[in-house]
């Protein structure tokens, strides 16, 4: 699967789910769509994890990158 943007993958996942929910596809096609969808879900999850890790890094005053933490009250 070529590199797709998160939004494109999400749209493809939604379309596959609609097809599967409608029940208008045969068993073999359903299995292929399910497998394809699960691969896209993993790619989206990896992209979200990477984005979360990137966002959780902040630049301190001394220039070091550190993990962002929310102070407890």
PDB file of N, CA and C in Angstrom:
ATOM      1  N   UNK A   1       0.858  -1.187   0.000  1.00  0.00           N
ATOM      2  CA  UNK A   1       0.000   0.000   0.000  1.00  0.00           C
ATOM      3  C   UNK A   1       0.894   1.237   0.000  1.00  0.00           C
ATOM      4  N   UNK A   2       0.693   2.079  -0.969  1.00  0.00           N
ATOM      5  CA  UNK A   2       1.487   3.297  -1.068  1.00  0.00           C
ATOM      6  C   UNK A   2       1.228   4.195   0.133  1.00  0.00           C
ATOM      7  N   UNK A   3       2.171   5.099   0.384  1.00  0.00           N
ATOM      8  CA  UNK A   3       2.052   6.019   1.514  1.00  0.00           C
ATOM      9  C   UNK A   3       0.870   6.954   1.301  1.00  0.00           C
ATOM     10  N   UNK A   4      -0.093   6.878   2.169  1.00  0.00           N
ATOM     11  CA  UNK A   4      -1.276   7.730   2.086  1.00  0.00           C
ATOM     12  C   UNK A   4      -1.339   8.598   3.333  1.00  0.00           C
ATOM     13  N   UNK A   5      -2.010   9.718   3.184  1.00  0.00           N
ATOM     14  CA  UNK A   5      -2.210  10.608   4.320  1.00  0.00           C
ATOM     15  C   UNK A   5      -3.235   9.983   5.265  1.00  0.00           C
ATOM     16  N   UNK A   6      -3.166  10.407   6.519  1.00  0.00           N
ATOM     17  CA  UNK A   6      -4.060   9.892   7.553  1.00  0.00           C
ATOM     18  C   UNK A   6      -5.519  10.055   7.151  1.00  0.00           C
ATOM     19  N   UNK A   7      -5.881  11.236   6.663  1.00  0.00           N
ATOM     20  CA  UNK A   7      -7.275  11.511   6.293  1.00  0.00           C
ATOM     21  C   UNK A   7      -7.749  10.609   5.160  1.00  0.00           C
ATOM     22  N   UNK A   8      -6.852  10.343   4.205  1.00  0.00           N
ATOM     23  CA  UNK A   8      -7.202   9.452   3.102  1.00  0.00           C
ATOM     24  C   UNK A   8      -7.466   8.034   3.611  1.00  0.00           C
ATOM     25  N   UNK A   9      -6.587   7.577   4.498  1.00  0.00           N
ATOM     26  CA  UNK A   9      -6.755   6.240   5.071  1.00  0.00           C
ATOM     27  C   UNK A   9      -8.057   6.141   5.859  1.00  0.00           C
ATOM     28  N   UNK A  10      -8.325   7.162   6.648  1.00  0.00           N
ATOM     29  CA  UNK A  10      -9.540   7.166   7.455  1.00  0.00           C
ATOM     30  C   UNK A  10     -10.785   7.091   6.574  1.00  0.00           C
ATOM     31  N   UNK A  11     -10.774   7.825   5.480  1.00  0.00           N
ATOM     32  CA  UNK A  11     -11.891   7.797   4.541  1.00  0.00           C
ATOM     33  C   UNK A  11     -12.049   6.410   3.912  1.00  0.00           C
ATOM     34  N   UNK A  12     -10.933   5.798   3.556  1.00  0.00           N
ATOM     35  CA  UNK A  12     -10.976   4.451   2.979  1.00  0.00           C
ATOM     36  C   UNK A  12     -11.500   3.431   3.997  1.00  0.00           C
ATOM     37  N   UNK A  13     -11.084   3.585   5.243  1.00  0.00           N
ATOM     38  CA  UNK A  13     -11.565   2.695   6.302  1.00  0.00           C
ATOM     39  C   UNK A  13     -13.079   2.835   6.448  1.00  0.00           C
ATOM     40  N   UNK A  14     -13.567   4.079   6.499  1.00  0.00           N
ATOM     41  CA  UNK A  14     -15.004   4.323   6.629  1.00  0.00           C
ATOM     42  C   UNK A  14     -15.782   3.718   5.465  1.00  0.00           C
ATOM     43  N   UNK A  15     -15.256   3.853   4.252  1.00  0.00           N
ATOM     44  CA  UNK A  15     -15.930   3.279   3.084  1.00  0.00           C
ATOM     45  C   UNK A  15     -15.982   1.752   3.165  1.00  0.00           C
ATOM     46  N   UNK A  16     -14.877   1.139   3.580  1.00  0.00           N
ATOM     47  CA  UNK A  16     -14.863  -0.315   3.719  1.00  0.00           C
ATOM     48  C   UNK A  16     -15.859  -0.781   4.774  1.00  0.00           C
ATOM     49  N   UNK A  17     -15.931  -0.050   5.868  1.00  0.00           N
ATOM     50  CA  UNK A  17     -16.870  -0.423   6.936  1.00  0.00           C
ATOM     51  C   UNK A  17     -18.305  -0.329   6.432  1.00  0.00           C
ATOM     52  N   UNK A  18     -18.612   0.723   5.678  1.00  0.00           N
ATOM     53  CA  UNK A  18     -19.960   0.861   5.121  1.00  0.00           C
ATOM     54  C   UNK A  18     -20.281  -0.318   4.201  1.00  0.00           C
ATOM     55  N   UNK A  19     -19.312  -0.684   3.343  1.00  0.00           N
ATOM     56  CA  UNK A  19     -19.518  -1.822   2.453  1.00  0.00           C
ATOM     57  C   UNK A  19     -19.775  -3.098   3.240  1.00  0.00           C
ATOM     58  N   UNK A  20     -19.002  -3.315   4.287  1.00  0.00           N
ATOM     59  CA  UNK A  20     -19.159  -4.525   5.098  1.00  0.00           C
ATOM     60  C   UNK A  20     -20.483  -4.519   5.856  1.00  0.00           C
ATOM     61  N   UNK A  21     -20.874  -3.366   6.373  1.00  0.00           N
ATOM     62  CA  UNK A  21     -22.131  -3.261   7.114  1.00  0.00           C
ATOM     63  C   UNK A  21     -23.343  -3.474   6.207  1.00  0.00           C
ATOM     64  N   UNK A  22     -23.259  -3.002   4.970  1.00  0.00           N
ATOM     65  CA  UNK A  22     -24.375  -3.148   4.034  1.00  0.00           C
ATOM     66  C   UNK A  22     -24.610  -4.598   3.633  1.00  0.00           C
ATOM     67  N   UNK A  23     -23.557  -5.404   3.716  1.00  0.00           N
ATOM     68  CA  UNK A  23     -23.700  -6.818   3.369  1.00  0.00           C
ATOM     69  C   UNK A  23     -23.896  -7.059   1.888  1.00  0.00           C
ATOM     70  N   UNK A  24     -23.529  -6.107   1.060  1.00  0.00           N
ATOM     71  CA  UNK A  24     -23.717  -6.232  -0.387  1.00  0.00           C
ATOM     72  C   UNK A  24     -22.511  -6.838  -1.096  1.00  0.00           C
ATOM     73  N   UNK A  25     -21.551  -7.373  -0.343  1.00  0.00           N
ATOM     74  CA  UNK A  25     -20.367  -7.982  -0.941  1.00  0.00           C
ATOM     75  C   UNK A  25     -20.298  -9.450  -0.545  1.00  0.00           C
ATOM     76  N   UNK A  26     -19.701 -10.262  -1.428  1.00  0.00           N
ATOM     77  CA  UNK A  26     -19.605 -11.693  -1.139  1.00  0.00           C
ATOM     78  C   UNK A  26     -18.565 -11.955  -0.057  1.00  0.00           C
ATOM     79  N   UNK A  27     -18.505 -13.181   0.405  1.00  0.00           N
ATOM     80  CA  UNK A  27     -17.637 -13.549   1.527  1.00  0.00           C
ATOM     81  C   UNK A  27     -16.169 -13.264   1.232  1.00  0.00           C
ATOM     82  N   UNK A  28     -15.697 -13.657   0.042  1.00  0.00           N
ATOM     83  CA  UNK A  28     -14.290 -13.448  -0.292  1.00  0.00           C
ATOM     84  C   UNK A  28     -13.932 -11.961  -0.306  1.00  0.00           C
ATOM     85  N   UNK A  29     -14.810 -11.161  -0.885  1.00  0.00           N
ATOM     86  CA  UNK A  29     -14.580  -9.715  -0.918  1.00  0.00           C
ATOM     87  C   UNK A  29     -14.627  -9.135   0.493  1.00  0.00           C
ATOM     88  N   UNK A  30     -15.532  -9.628   1.313  1.00  0.00           N
ATOM     89  CA  UNK A  30     -15.626  -9.165   2.700  1.00  0.00           C
ATOM     90  C   UNK A  30     -14.337  -9.442   3.458  1.00  0.00           C
ATOM     91  N   UNK A  31     -13.796 -10.636   3.262  1.00  0.00           N
ATOM     92  CA  UNK A  31     -12.547 -10.998   3.944  1.00  0.00           C
ATOM     93  C   UNK A  31     -11.417 -10.090   3.477  1.00  0.00           C
ATOM     94  N   UNK A  32     -11.324  -9.852   2.174  1.00  0.00           N
ATOM     95  CA  UNK A  32     -10.274  -8.975   1.639  1.00  0.00           C
ATOM     96  C   UNK A  32     -10.422  -7.557   2.175  1.00  0.00           C
ATOM     97  N   UNK A  33     -11.661  -7.052   2.199  1.00  0.00           N
ATOM     98  CA  UNK A  33     -11.898  -5.695   2.707  1.00  0.00           C
ATOM     99  C   UNK A  33     -11.552  -5.605   4.196  1.00  0.00           C
ATOM    100  N   UNK A  34     -11.894  -6.658   4.958  1.00  0.00           N
ATOM    101  CA  UNK A  34     -11.584  -6.681   6.386  1.00  0.00           C
ATOM    102  C   UNK A  34     -10.064  -6.644   6.595  1.00  0.00           C
ATOM    103  N   UNK A  35      -9.339  -7.501   5.866  1.00  0.00           N
ATOM    104  CA  UNK A  35      -7.885  -7.545   6.003  1.00  0.00           C
ATOM    105  C   UNK A  35      -7.261  -6.199   5.612  1.00  0.00           C
ATOM    106  N   UNK A  36      -7.714  -5.642   4.507  1.00  0.00           N
ATOM    107  CA  UNK A  36      -7.223  -4.346   4.045  1.00  0.00           C
ATOM    108  C   UNK A  36      -7.508  -3.263   5.084  1.00  0.00           C
ATOM    109  N   UNK A  37      -8.703  -3.293   5.650  1.00  0.00           N
ATOM    110  CA  UNK A  37      -9.098  -2.307   6.652  1.00  0.00           C
ATOM    111  C   UNK A  37      -8.227  -2.409   7.891  1.00  0.00           C
ATOM    112  N   UNK A  38      -7.952  -3.634   8.347  1.00  0.00           N
ATOM    113  CA  UNK A  38      -7.131  -3.807   9.544  1.00  0.00           C
ATOM    114  C   UNK A  38      -5.698  -3.311   9.305  1.00  0.00           C
ATOM    115  N   UNK A  39      -5.166  -3.490   8.096  1.00  0.00           N
ATOM    116  CA  UNK A  39      -3.837  -2.969   7.770  1.00  0.00           C
ATOM    117  C   UNK A  39      -3.849  -1.440   7.827  1.00  0.00           C
ATOM    118  N   UNK A  40      -4.914  -0.841   7.292  1.00  0.00           N
ATOM    119  CA  UNK A  40      -5.017   0.620   7.310  1.00  0.00           C
ATOM    120  C   UNK A  40      -5.182   1.141   8.736  1.00  0.00           C
ATOM    121  N   UNK A  41      -5.911   0.411   9.570  1.00  0.00           N
ATOM    122  CA  UNK A  41      -6.075   0.805  10.977  1.00  0.00           C
ATOM    123  C   UNK A  41      -4.720   0.809  11.670  1.00  0.00           C
ATOM    124  N   UNK A  42      -3.895  -0.209  11.406  1.00  0.00           N
ATOM    125  CA  UNK A  42      -2.567  -0.260  12.018  1.00  0.00           C
ATOM    126  C   UNK A  42      -1.708   0.917  11.563  1.00  0.00           C
ATOM    127  N   UNK A  43      -1.758   1.229  10.275  1.00  0.00           N
ATOM    128  CA  UNK A  43      -0.989   2.366   9.752  1.00  0.00           C
ATOM    129  C   UNK A  43      -1.453   3.660  10.420  1.00  0.00           C
ATOM    130  N   UNK A  44      -2.774   3.840  10.550  1.00  0.00           N
ATOM    131  CA  UNK A  44      -3.314   5.039  11.212  1.00  0.00           C
ATOM    132  C   UNK A  44      -2.870   5.092  12.666  1.00  0.00           C
ATOM    133  N   UNK A  45      -2.915   3.957  13.340  1.00  0.00           N
ATOM    134  CA  UNK A  45      -2.492   3.907  14.734  1.00  0.00           C
ATOM    135  C   UNK A  45      -1.012   4.284  14.861  1.00  0.00           C
ATOM    136  N   UNK A  46      -0.183   3.770  13.960  1.00  0.00           N
ATOM    137  CA  UNK A  46       1.237   4.113  13.978  1.00  0.00           C
ATOM    138  C   UNK A  46       1.444   5.601  13.735  1.00  0.00           C
ATOM    139  N   UNK A  47       0.690   6.164  12.797  1.00  0.00           N
ATOM    140  CA  UNK A  47       0.792   7.592  12.514  1.00  0.00           C
ATOM    141  C   UNK A  47       0.368   8.422  13.733  1.00  0.00           C
ATOM    142  N   UNK A  48      -0.697   8.001  14.403  1.00  0.00           N
ATOM    143  CA  UNK A  48      -1.155   8.724  15.598  1.00  0.00           C
ATOM    144  C   UNK A  48      -0.137   8.625  16.725  1.00  0.00           C
ATOM    145  N   UNK A  49       0.447   7.452  16.896  1.00  0.00           N
ATOM    146  CA  UNK A  49       1.465   7.274  17.929  1.00  0.00           C
ATOM    147  C   UNK A  49       2.657   8.179  17.665  1.00  0.00           C
ATOM    148  N   UNK A  50       3.091   8.219  16.405  1.00  0.00           N
ATOM    149  CA  UNK A  50       4.220   9.077  16.046  1.00  0.00           C
ATOM    150  C   UNK A  50       3.883  10.553  16.281  1.00  0.00           C
ATOM    151  N   UNK A  51       2.692  10.954  15.878  1.00  0.00           N
ATOM    152  CA  UNK A  51       2.269  12.341  16.066  1.00  0.00           C
ATOM    153  C   UNK A  51       2.184  12.686  17.552  1.00  0.00           C
ATOM    154  N   UNK A  52       1.638  11.767  18.336  1.00  0.00           N
ATOM    155  CA  UNK A  52       1.524  11.992  19.782  1.00  0.00           C
ATOM    156  C   UNK A  52       2.899  12.147  20.402  1.00  0.00           C
ATOM    157  N   UNK A  53       3.828  11.278  20.017  1.00  0.00           N
ATOM    158  CA  UNK A  53       5.188  11.376  20.556  1.00  0.00           C
ATOM    159  C   UNK A  53       5.848  12.681  20.164  1.00  0.00           C
ATOM    160  N   UNK A  54       5.604  13.130  18.944  1.00  0.00           N
ATOM    161  CA  UNK A  54       6.189  14.402  18.496  1.00  0.00           C
ATOM    162  C   UNK A  54       5.612  15.581  19.255  1.00  0.00           C
ATOM    163  N   UNK A  55       4.298  15.576  19.458  1.00  0.00           N
ATOM    164  CA  UNK A  55       3.640  16.672  20.151  1.00  0.00           C
ATOM    165  C   UNK A  55       4.043  16.711  21.620  1.00  0.00           C
ATOM    166  N   UNK A  56       4.302  15.522  22.197  1.00  0.00           N
ATOM    167  CA  UNK A  56       4.648  15.453  23.612  1.00  0.00           C
ATOM    168  C   UNK A  56       6.066  15.905  23.922  1.00  0.00           C
ATOM    169  N   UNK A  57       6.809  16.267  22.898  1.00  0.00           N
ATOM    170  CA  UNK A  57       8.155  16.810  23.109  1.00  0.00           C
ATOM    171  C   UNK A  57       8.065  18.337  23.092  1.00  0.00           C
ATOM    172  N   UNK A  58       8.667  18.945  24.064  1.00  0.00           N
ATOM    173  CA  UNK A  58       8.696  20.422  24.074  1.00  0.00           C
ATOM    174  C   UNK A  58      10.139  20.885  24.221  1.00  0.00           C
ATOM    175  N   UNK A  59      10.379  22.088  23.791  1.00  0.00           N
ATOM    176  CA  UNK A  59      11.713  22.657  23.855  1.00  0.00           C
ATOM    177  C   UNK A  59      11.848  23.458  25.147  1.00  0.00           C
ATOM    178  N   UNK A  60      12.783  23.004  25.996  1.00  0.00           N
ATOM    179  CA  UNK A  60      13.037  23.733  27.232  1.00  0.00           C
ATOM    180  C   UNK A  60      13.851  24.993  26.926  1.00  0.00           C
ATOM    181  N   UNK A  61      13.968  25.848  27.904  1.00  0.00           N
ATOM    182  CA  UNK A  61      14.710  27.091  27.727  1.00  0.00           C
ATOM    183  C   UNK A  61      16.167  26.842  27.342  1.00  0.00           C
ATOM    184  N   UNK A  62      16.743  25.742  27.823  1.00  0.00           N
ATOM    185  CA  UNK A  62      18.152  25.466  27.524  1.00  0.00           C
ATOM    186  C   UNK A  62      18.329  24.735  26.191  1.00  0.00           C
ATOM    187  N   UNK A  63      17.239  24.504  25.472  1.00  0.00           N
ATOM    188  CA  UNK A  63      17.323  23.897  24.151  1.00  0.00           C
ATOM    189  C   UNK A  63      17.198  22.391  24.126  1.00  0.00           C
ATOM    190  N   UNK A  64      17.030  21.760  25.263  1.00  0.00           N
ATOM    191  CA  UNK A  64      16.878  20.306  25.303  1.00  0.00           C
ATOM    192  C   UNK A  64      15.434  19.904  25.052  1.00  0.00           C
ATOM    193  N   UNK A  65      15.263  18.846  24.280  1.00  0.00           N
ATOM    194  CA  UNK A  65      13.930  18.305  24.085  1.00  0.00           C
ATOM    195  C   UNK A  65      13.611  17.353  25.232  1.00  0.00           C
ATOM    196  N   UNK A  66      12.455  17.540  25.832  1.00  0.00           N
ATOM    197  CA  UNK A  66      12.028  16.651  26.916  1.00  0.00           C
ATOM    198  C   UNK A  66      10.589  16.258  26.726  1.00  0.00           C
ATOM    199  N   UNK A  67      10.193  15.184  27.387  1.00  0.00           N
ATOM    200  CA  UNK A  67       8.808  14.764  27.325  1.00  0.00           C
ATOM    201  C   UNK A  67       7.936  15.778  28.053  1.00  0.00           C
ATOM    202  N   UNK A  68       6.786  16.056  27.461  1.00  0.00           N
ATOM    203  CA  UNK A  68       5.823  16.969  28.071  1.00  0.00           C
ATOM    204  C   UNK A  68       5.044  16.212  29.136  1.00  0.00           C
ATOM    205  N   UNK A  69       4.943  16.789  30.306  1.00  0.00           N
ATOM    206  CA  UNK A  69       4.131  16.189  31.364  1.00  0.00           C
ATOM    207  C   UNK A  69       3.215  17.258  31.942  1.00  0.00           C
ATOM    208  N   UNK A  70       2.061  16.812  32.360  1.00  0.00           N
ATOM    209  CA  UNK A  70       1.098  17.718  32.994  1.00  0.00           C
ATOM    210  C   UNK A  70       1.341  17.641  34.502  1.00  0.00           C
ATOM    211  N   UNK A  71       1.657  18.771  35.118  1.00  0.00           N
ATOM    212  CA  UNK A  71       1.905  18.744  36.559  1.00  0.00           C
ATOM    213  C   UNK A  71       0.651  18.352  37.333  1.00  0.00           C
ATOM    214  N   UNK A  72       0.859  17.508  38.357  1.00  0.00           N
ATOM    215  CA  UNK A  72      -0.274  17.116  39.202  1.00  0.00           C
ATOM    216  C   UNK A  72      -0.548  18.215  40.212  1.00  0.00           C
ATOM    217  N   UNK A  73      -1.818  18.387  40.559  1.00  0.00           N
ATOM    218  CA  UNK A  73      -2.197  19.429  41.527  1.00  0.00           C
ATOM    219  C   UNK A  73      -1.890  19.021  42.923  1.00  0.00           C
TER     220      UNK A  73
END
